[in-house]
Amino acid sequence: MSVLKRSIAISLLSAVLCQGSAFADVEKGRQLMEQSRFQEAMTEFLPAAQAGNADAEELIGVMYAMGLGVERDDRRAFEWYLRASMKAHPGAQSGVGWYYEVGRGVAKDLVRAYMWYVLSAIGGDPDAAISQEEVIKKMTKEQVREAQILIADYKTHLYPYD
């Protein structure tokens, strides 16, 4: 095996092992949350989230949204949800939709709220369809048209095989 091929193989193996480690950290963090050991959970989630794990990012968003082991901070919760949302995490997408719908931590934006709820429903979040039905009642026809354009743009990026 050439040096280049060996180097690539080692890099791929390292990436797989790191992902497995991040998954284990997230599971441990979930268990700690269930035990109300929130600060310890955050310690588990942060490295995984910083490595790009969407589940960890979403759970950090939950912690900031609810003030679990950290001071409640809607802005930070939104940002963590948004990171996970861009990785097609349906729960985080519903969270982003909710923040846009009510205008907590971000400016109220029904177009974006609807967009994120629709994307979340596409991703399989069972509550997102209900949320999208509720928010569309508050929207104008023009806002719905704007949202449909954004949905089409984001859907091809987040759910290219759907």
C-alpha atoms as a PDB file:
ATOM      1  CA  MET A   1       0.000   0.000   0.000  1.00  0.00           C
ATOM      2  CA  SER A   2       1.393   3.380  -0.961  1.00  0.00           C
ATOM      3  CA  VAL A   3       2.040   6.050   1.618  1.00  0.00           C
ATOM      4  CA  LEU A   4      -0.757   8.193   0.138  1.00  0.00           C
ATOM      5  CA  LYS A   5      -3.309   5.348   0.231  1.00  0.00           C
ATOM      6  CA  ARG A   6      -2.291   4.455   3.783  1.00  0.00           C
ATOM      7  CA  SER A   7      -2.629   8.105   4.829  1.00  0.00           C
ATOM      8  CA  ILE A   8      -6.116   8.307   3.284  1.00  0.00           C
ATOM      9  CA  ALA A   9      -7.134   5.024   4.950  1.00  0.00           C
ATOM     10  CA  ILE A  10      -5.926   6.268   8.334  1.00  0.00           C
ATOM     11  CA  SER A  11      -7.789   9.562   7.871  1.00  0.00           C
ATOM     12  CA  LEU A  12     -11.021   7.749   6.996  1.00  0.00           C
ATOM     13  CA  LEU A  13     -10.661   5.378   9.935  1.00  0.00           C
ATOM     14  CA  SER A  14     -10.026   8.315  12.269  1.00  0.00           C
ATOM     15  CA  ALA A  15     -13.133  10.075  10.975  1.00  0.00           C
ATOM     16  CA  VAL A  16     -15.282   6.978  11.552  1.00  0.00           C
ATOM     17  CA  LEU A  17     -13.879   6.480  15.055  1.00  0.00           C
ATOM     18  CA  CYS A  18     -14.471  10.149  15.919  1.00  0.00           C
ATOM     19  CA  GLN A  19     -18.083   9.894  14.745  1.00  0.00           C
ATOM     20  CA  GLY A  20     -18.580   6.820  16.904  1.00  0.00           C
ATOM     21  CA  SER A  21     -17.076   8.658  19.850  1.00  0.00           C
ATOM     22  CA  ALA A  22     -19.308  11.682  19.253  1.00  0.00           C
ATOM     23  CA  PHE A  23     -22.355   9.399  19.132  1.00  0.00           C
ATOM     24  CA  ALA A  24     -21.327   7.793  22.434  1.00  0.00           C
ATOM     25  CA  ASP A  25     -20.876  11.256  23.978  1.00  0.00           C
ATOM     26  CA  VAL A  26     -24.365  12.263  22.855  1.00  0.00           C
ATOM     27  CA  GLU A  27     -25.928   9.124  24.308  1.00  0.00           C
ATOM     28  CA  LYS A  28     -24.096   9.652  27.582  1.00  0.00           C
ATOM     29  CA  GLY A  29     -25.261  13.271  27.580  1.00  0.00           C
ATOM     30  CA  ARG A  30     -28.880  12.175  27.050  1.00  0.00           C
ATOM     31  CA  GLN A  31     -28.609   9.835  30.022  1.00  0.00           C
ATOM     32  CA  LEU A  32     -27.185  12.639  32.130  1.00  0.00           C
ATOM     33  CA  MET A  33     -30.062  14.926  31.092  1.00  0.00           C
ATOM     34  CA  GLU A  34     -32.560  12.253  32.155  1.00  0.00           C
ATOM     35  CA  GLN A  35     -30.839  12.277  35.552  1.00  0.00           C
ATOM     36  CA  SER A  36     -31.057  16.110  35.677  1.00  0.00           C
ATOM     37  CA  ARG A  37     -27.251  16.323  35.573  1.00  0.00           C
ATOM     38  CA  PHE A  38     -27.350  19.116  33.021  1.00  0.00           C
ATOM     39  CA  GLN A  39     -23.905  20.642  33.426  1.00  0.00           C
ATOM     40  CA  GLU A  40     -22.318  17.217  32.968  1.00  0.00           C
ATOM     41  CA  ALA A  41     -24.540  16.639  29.940  1.00  0.00           C
ATOM     42  CA  MET A  42     -23.323  19.895  28.405  1.00  0.00           C
ATOM     43  CA  THR A  43     -19.738  18.717  28.913  1.00  0.00           C
ATOM     44  CA  GLU A  44     -20.598  15.624  26.856  1.00  0.00           C
ATOM     45  CA  PHE A  45     -22.511  17.485  24.152  1.00  0.00           C
ATOM     46  CA  LEU A  46     -20.071  20.312  23.410  1.00  0.00           C
ATOM     47  CA  PRO A  47     -17.250  18.288  21.809  1.00  0.00           C
ATOM     48  CA  ALA A  48     -19.745  16.327  19.727  1.00  0.00           C
ATOM     49  CA  ALA A  49     -21.537  19.511  18.661  1.00  0.00           C
ATOM     50  CA  GLN A  50     -18.256  21.211  17.815  1.00  0.00           C
ATOM     51  CA  ALA A  51     -17.453  18.177  15.662  1.00  0.00           C
ATOM     52  CA  GLY A  52     -20.724  18.781  13.784  1.00  0.00           C
ATOM     53  CA  ASN A  53     -23.059  16.253  15.424  1.00  0.00           C
ATOM     54  CA  ALA A  54     -26.595  17.529  14.775  1.00  0.00           C
ATOM     55  CA  ASP A  55     -28.134  15.632  17.703  1.00  0.00           C
ATOM     56  CA  ALA A  56     -25.689  17.260  20.108  1.00  0.00           C
ATOM     57  CA  GLU A  57     -26.338  20.688  18.569  1.00  0.00           C
ATOM     58  CA  GLU A  58     -30.091  20.248  18.923  1.00  0.00           C
ATOM     59  CA  LEU A  59     -29.795  19.107  22.544  1.00  0.00           C
ATOM     60  CA  ILE A  60     -27.641  22.100  23.418  1.00  0.00           C
ATOM     61  CA  GLY A  61     -30.384  24.205  21.849  1.00  0.00           C
ATOM     62  CA  VAL A  62     -32.915  22.510  24.124  1.00  0.00           C
ATOM     63  CA  MET A  63     -30.750  23.233  27.148  1.00  0.00           C
ATOM     64  CA  TYR A  64     -30.498  26.942  26.317  1.00  0.00           C
ATOM     65  CA  ALA A  65     -34.196  27.133  25.406  1.00  0.00           C
ATOM     66  CA  MET A  66     -35.259  25.690  28.739  1.00  0.00           C
ATOM     67  CA  GLY A  67     -32.439  26.933  30.962  1.00  0.00           C
ATOM     68  CA  LEU A  68     -31.255  23.427  31.838  1.00  0.00           C
ATOM     69  CA  GLY A  69     -27.845  23.732  33.499  1.00  0.00           C
ATOM     70  CA  VAL A  70     -27.303  27.058  31.744  1.00  0.00           C
ATOM     71  CA  GLU A  71     -28.988  30.426  31.899  1.00  0.00           C
ATOM     72  CA  ARG A  72     -31.941  30.460  29.520  1.00  0.00           C
ATOM     73  CA  ASP A  73     -30.844  32.234  26.361  1.00  0.00           C
ATOM     74  CA  ASP A  74     -33.233  32.271  23.408  1.00  0.00           C
ATOM     75  CA  ARG A  75     -30.658  33.699  21.026  1.00  0.00           C
ATOM     76  CA  ARG A  76     -28.134  30.949  21.745  1.00  0.00           C
ATOM     77  CA  ALA A  77     -30.868  28.294  21.679  1.00  0.00           C
ATOM     78  CA  PHE A  78     -31.916  29.509  18.237  1.00  0.00           C
ATOM     79  CA  GLU A  79     -28.348  29.453  16.930  1.00  0.00           C
ATOM     80  CA  TRP A  80     -27.762  25.877  18.135  1.00  0.00           C
ATOM     81  CA  TYR A  81     -31.076  24.769  16.632  1.00  0.00           C
ATOM     82  CA  LEU A  82     -30.156  26.479  13.371  1.00  0.00           C
ATOM     83  CA  ARG A  83     -26.842  24.626  13.145  1.00  0.00           C
ATOM     84  CA  ALA A  84     -28.614  21.282  13.546  1.00  0.00           C
ATOM     85  CA  SER A  85     -31.391  22.362  11.158  1.00  0.00           C
ATOM     86  CA  MET A  86     -28.908  22.909   8.352  1.00  0.00           C
ATOM     87  CA  LYS A  87     -27.929  19.246   8.798  1.00  0.00           C
ATOM     88  CA  ALA A  88     -31.570  18.182   8.251  1.00  0.00           C
ATOM     89  CA  HIS A  89     -32.400  17.575  11.924  1.00  0.00           C
ATOM     90  CA  PRO A  90     -36.243  17.633  11.985  1.00  0.00           C
ATOM     91  CA  GLY A  91     -36.581  18.400  15.718  1.00  0.00           C
ATOM     92  CA  ALA A  92     -34.234  21.347  15.447  1.00  0.00           C
ATOM     93  CA  GLN A  93     -36.060  22.545  12.334  1.00  0.00           C
ATOM     94  CA  SER A  94     -39.313  22.657  14.310  1.00  0.00           C
ATOM     95  CA  GLY A  95     -37.465  24.575  17.018  1.00  0.00           C
ATOM     96  CA  VAL A  96     -36.264  27.150  14.499  1.00  0.00           C
ATOM     97  CA  GLY A  97     -39.787  27.401  13.109  1.00  0.00           C
ATOM     98  CA  TRP A  98     -41.184  28.038  16.569  1.00  0.00           C
ATOM     99  CA  TYR A  99     -38.630  30.765  17.314  1.00  0.00           C
ATOM    100  CA  TYR A 100     -39.500  32.510  14.057  1.00  0.00           C
ATOM    101  CA  GLU A 101     -43.230  32.091  14.700  1.00  0.00           C
ATOM    102  CA  VAL A 102     -43.199  33.679  18.145  1.00  0.00           C
ATOM    103  CA  GLY A 103     -40.242  36.026  17.633  1.00  0.00           C
ATOM    104  CA  ARG A 104     -38.211  34.963  20.653  1.00  0.00           C
ATOM    105  CA  GLY A 105     -34.472  35.378  20.215  1.00  0.00           C
ATOM    106  CA  VAL A 106     -35.025  36.435  16.593  1.00  0.00           C
ATOM    107  CA  ALA A 107     -37.356  38.759  14.735  1.00  0.00           C
ATOM    108  CA  LYS A 108     -40.797  37.299  14.116  1.00  0.00           C
ATOM    109  CA  ASP A 109     -40.933  35.939  10.558  1.00  0.00           C
ATOM    110  CA  LEU A 110     -43.933  33.816   9.563  1.00  0.00           C
ATOM    111  CA  VAL A 111     -42.450  33.029   6.146  1.00  0.00           C
ATOM    112  CA  ARG A 112     -39.401  31.411   7.712  1.00  0.00           C
ATOM    113  CA  ALA A 113     -41.486  29.799  10.460  1.00  0.00           C
ATOM    114  CA  TYR A 114     -43.655  28.096   7.859  1.00  0.00           C
ATOM    115  CA  MET A 115     -40.628  27.108   5.795  1.00  0.00           C
ATOM    116  CA  TRP A 116     -38.909  25.403   8.729  1.00  0.00           C
ATOM    117  CA  TYR A 117     -42.096  23.633   9.821  1.00  0.00           C
ATOM    118  CA  VAL A 118     -42.586  22.249   6.297  1.00  0.00           C
ATOM    119  CA  LEU A 119     -38.969  21.096   6.113  1.00  0.00           C
ATOM    120  CA  SER A 120     -39.309  19.497   9.543  1.00  0.00           C
ATOM    121  CA  ALA A 121     -42.425  17.631   8.392  1.00  0.00           C
ATOM    122  CA  ILE A 122     -40.560  16.415   5.311  1.00  0.00           C
ATOM    123  CA  GLY A 123     -37.846  15.170   7.665  1.00  0.00           C
ATOM    124  CA  GLY A 124     -40.393  13.214   9.680  1.00  0.00           C
ATOM    125  CA  ASP A 125     -41.195  15.353  12.739  1.00  0.00           C
ATOM    126  CA  PRO A 126     -44.760  14.279  13.633  1.00  0.00           C
ATOM    127  CA  ASP A 127     -45.700  17.609  15.263  1.00  0.00           C
ATOM    128  CA  ALA A 128     -44.433  19.812  12.445  1.00  0.00           C
ATOM    129  CA  ALA A 129     -47.502  19.298  10.246  1.00  0.00           C
ATOM    130  CA  ILE A 130     -49.730  20.621  13.033  1.00  0.00           C
ATOM    131  CA  SER A 131     -47.445  23.619  13.535  1.00  0.00           C
ATOM    132  CA  GLN A 132     -47.403  24.419   9.834  1.00  0.00           C
ATOM    133  CA  GLU A 133     -51.224  24.277   9.705  1.00  0.00           C
ATOM    134  CA  GLU A 134     -51.419  26.745  12.589  1.00  0.00           C
ATOM    135  CA  VAL A 135     -48.869  29.220  11.253  1.00  0.00           C
ATOM    136  CA  ILE A 136     -50.319  29.299   7.724  1.00  0.00           C
ATOM    137  CA  LYS A 137     -53.580  30.633   9.212  1.00  0.00           C
ATOM    138  CA  LYS A 138     -51.648  33.778  10.195  1.00  0.00           C
ATOM    139  CA  MET A 139     -50.054  34.297   6.766  1.00  0.00           C
ATOM    140  CA  THR A 140     -51.025  36.261   3.679  1.00  0.00           C
ATOM    141  CA  LYS A 141     -51.107  34.610   0.260  1.00  0.00           C
ATOM    142  CA  GLU A 142     -47.930  36.542  -0.645  1.00  0.00           C
ATOM    143  CA  GLN A 143     -46.149  35.212   2.446  1.00  0.00           C
ATOM    144  CA  VAL A 144     -47.144  31.651   1.520  1.00  0.00           C
ATOM    145  CA  ARG A 145     -45.744  32.167  -1.990  1.00  0.00           C
ATOM    146  CA  GLU A 146     -42.480  33.492  -0.527  1.00  0.00           C
ATOM    147  CA  ALA A 147     -42.268  30.509   1.791  1.00  0.00           C
ATOM    148  CA  GLN A 148     -42.857  28.046  -1.069  1.00  0.00           C
ATOM    149  CA  ILE A 149     -39.876  29.508  -2.938  1.00  0.00           C
ATOM    150  CA  LEU A 150     -37.638  29.155   0.122  1.00  0.00           C
ATOM    151  CA  ILE A 151     -38.913  25.635   0.804  1.00  0.00           C
ATOM    152  CA  ALA A 152     -37.993  24.574  -2.729  1.00  0.00           C
ATOM    153  CA  ASP A 153     -34.512  26.064  -2.364  1.00  0.00           C
ATOM    154  CA  TYR A 154     -33.808  24.520   1.035  1.00  0.00           C
ATOM    155  CA  LYS A 155     -35.450  21.166   0.267  1.00  0.00           C
ATOM    156  CA  THR A 156     -33.026  20.413  -2.545  1.00  0.00           C
ATOM    157  CA  HIS A 157     -30.136  21.101  -0.182  1.00  0.00           C
ATOM    158  CA  LEU A 158     -31.448  19.373   2.942  1.00  0.00           C
ATOM    159  CA  TYR A 159     -33.460  16.515   1.423  1.00  0.00           C
ATOM    160  CA  PRO A 160     -32.015  15.942  -2.066  1.00  0.00           C
ATOM    161  CA  TYR A 161     -33.379  12.398  -2.358  1.00  0.00           C
ATOM    162  CA  ASP A 162     -36.902  13.104  -1.195  1.00  0.00           C
END
